[in-house]
Structure formats: structure tokens, C-alpha cells
Amino acid sequence: MPLLYIDLIEGRDPSEVRALQELFYKLLASNLAERCGLDPADLIVSITENNDEDWSFGHGRAQFLTGELQ
């Protein structure tokens, strides 16, 4: 059973996020069914939102907070 995790950085309007999520779920399931033969009932997707401070890209630093990434 495929399990897909997606992380989003907060910042979009909640109603916009919801609309995008619903469209994404629908398109993902239909495309995987069509191209891979995956039964849409077998697909699990988890989308979580987080902030810049929740990310580190190595070296023990939060690069968004230190200004290394913008």
C-alpha cells in the first residue's frame, strides 16, 4: 500500500490550501490508477504544514532562521 508524506511550509490561505489538497488527492489517485494500475482505495496521503523553524538541511543548523536560506 503506497504511503506518501508531503510537507508544506505555512503561508497560504487555509481555504486555498484545502482546495489544492482536494484537487491534488483526486489527480494523484486517478493518475496512479491510470498509469500504474493502483487501486485508489490503496493510496494513503499525509500532508502536514510547518514553519521555517521546523527545517534543518544539515550541519545542525536551522538555515531558514540563520539567513543561509531564504
C-alpha atoms as a PDB file:
ATOM      1  CA  MET A   1       0.000   0.000   0.000  1.00  0.00           C
ATOM      2  CA  PRO A   2       1.665   3.262  -1.098  1.00  0.00           C
ATOM      3  CA  LEU A   3       2.084   5.866   1.619  1.00  0.00           C
ATOM      4  CA  LEU A   4       3.022   9.403   0.583  1.00  0.00           C
ATOM      5  CA  TYR A   5       4.121  12.133   3.017  1.00  0.00           C
ATOM      6  CA  ILE A   6       4.172  15.781   1.925  1.00  0.00           C
ATOM      7  CA  ASP A   7       5.402  18.727   3.986  1.00  0.00           C
ATOM      8  CA  LEU A   8       4.178  22.248   3.215  1.00  0.00           C
ATOM      9  CA  ILE A   9       5.576  25.463   4.599  1.00  0.00           C
ATOM     10  CA  GLU A  10       2.763  27.531   6.119  1.00  0.00           C
ATOM     11  CA  GLY A  11       1.721  30.762   4.500  1.00  0.00           C
ATOM     12  CA  ARG A  12      -1.164  30.176   2.119  1.00  0.00           C
ATOM     13  CA  ASP A  13      -4.776  30.957   2.911  1.00  0.00           C
ATOM     14  CA  PRO A  14      -6.382  27.869   4.547  1.00  0.00           C
ATOM     15  CA  SER A  15      -9.230  27.766   2.020  1.00  0.00           C
ATOM     16  CA  GLU A  16      -6.707  27.837  -0.830  1.00  0.00           C
ATOM     17  CA  VAL A  17      -4.711  25.015   0.782  1.00  0.00           C
ATOM     18  CA  ARG A  18      -7.850  22.917   1.195  1.00  0.00           C
ATOM     19  CA  ALA A  19      -8.856  23.394  -2.454  1.00  0.00           C
ATOM     20  CA  LEU A  20      -5.352  22.500  -3.636  1.00  0.00           C
ATOM     21  CA  GLN A  21      -5.261  19.420  -1.397  1.00  0.00           C
ATOM     22  CA  GLU A  22      -8.594  18.149  -2.675  1.00  0.00           C
ATOM     23  CA  LEU A  23      -7.514  18.610  -6.291  1.00  0.00           C
ATOM     24  CA  PHE A  24      -4.129  17.010  -5.608  1.00  0.00           C
ATOM     25  CA  TYR A  25      -5.701  13.939  -3.941  1.00  0.00           C
ATOM     26  CA  LYS A  26      -8.092  13.477  -6.855  1.00  0.00           C
ATOM     27  CA  LEU A  27      -5.450  13.887  -9.577  1.00  0.00           C
ATOM     28  CA  LEU A  28      -2.889  11.734  -7.775  1.00  0.00           C
ATOM     29  CA  ALA A  29      -5.331   8.851  -7.295  1.00  0.00           C
ATOM     30  CA  SER A  30      -6.624   8.975 -10.863  1.00  0.00           C
ATOM     31  CA  ASN A  31      -3.144   9.238 -12.406  1.00  0.00           C
ATOM     32  CA  LEU A  32      -1.738   6.372 -10.331  1.00  0.00           C
ATOM     33  CA  ALA A  33      -4.760   4.239 -11.216  1.00  0.00           C
ATOM     34  CA  GLU A  34      -4.407   5.011 -14.921  1.00  0.00           C
ATOM     35  CA  ARG A  35      -0.625   4.753 -15.216  1.00  0.00           C
ATOM     36  CA  CYS A  36       0.253   2.144 -12.590  1.00  0.00           C
ATOM     37  CA  GLY A  37      -2.970   0.229 -12.062  1.00  0.00           C
ATOM     38  CA  LEU A  38      -3.094   1.271  -8.410  1.00  0.00           C
ATOM     39  CA  ASP A  39      -6.493   0.927  -6.776  1.00  0.00           C
ATOM     40  CA  PRO A  40      -7.291   4.433  -5.431  1.00  0.00           C
ATOM     41  CA  ALA A  41      -8.560   2.800  -2.219  1.00  0.00           C
ATOM     42  CA  ASP A  42      -4.995   1.631  -1.527  1.00  0.00           C
ATOM     43  CA  LEU A  43      -3.387   5.088  -1.600  1.00  0.00           C
ATOM     44  CA  ILE A  44      -2.677   6.897   1.671  1.00  0.00           C
ATOM     45  CA  VAL A  45      -1.517  10.537   1.647  1.00  0.00           C
ATOM     46  CA  SER A  46      -0.494  12.654   4.630  1.00  0.00           C
ATOM     47  CA  ILE A  47       0.067  16.394   4.204  1.00  0.00           C
ATOM     48  CA  THR A  48       1.401  18.425   7.115  1.00  0.00           C
ATOM     49  CA  GLU A  49       2.145  22.135   7.382  1.00  0.00           C
ATOM     50  CA  ASN A  50       5.110  23.526   9.250  1.00  0.00           C
ATOM     51  CA  ASN A  51       7.151  26.708   9.612  1.00  0.00           C
ATOM     52  CA  ASP A  52      10.648  27.725   8.583  1.00  0.00           C
ATOM     53  CA  GLU A  53      11.997  26.926  12.051  1.00  0.00           C
ATOM     54  CA  ASP A  54      10.931  23.294  11.596  1.00  0.00           C
ATOM     55  CA  TRP A  55      13.574  22.701   8.903  1.00  0.00           C
ATOM     56  CA  SER A  56      17.280  21.907   9.054  1.00  0.00           C
ATOM     57  CA  PHE A  57      19.223  20.980   5.943  1.00  0.00           C
ATOM     58  CA  GLY A  58      22.183  19.514   7.774  1.00  0.00           C
ATOM     59  CA  HIS A  59      25.131  20.631   9.877  1.00  0.00           C
ATOM     60  CA  GLY A  60      22.943  21.101  12.973  1.00  0.00           C
ATOM     61  CA  ARG A  61      21.634  24.482  11.816  1.00  0.00           C
ATOM     62  CA  ALA A  62      18.196  25.902  11.024  1.00  0.00           C
ATOM     63  CA  GLN A  63      19.254  27.583   7.787  1.00  0.00           C
ATOM     64  CA  PHE A  64      16.000  29.484   7.275  1.00  0.00           C
ATOM     65  CA  LEU A  65      16.443  31.092  10.697  1.00  0.00           C
ATOM     66  CA  THR A  66      20.149  31.843  10.307  1.00  0.00           C
ATOM     67  CA  GLY A  67      19.572  33.512   6.938  1.00  0.00           C
ATOM     68  CA  GLU A  68      21.514  30.888   4.973  1.00  0.00           C
ATOM     69  CA  LEU A  69      18.290  30.084   3.095  1.00  0.00           C
ATOM     70  CA  GLN A  70      15.529  32.491   2.202  1.00  0.00           C
END
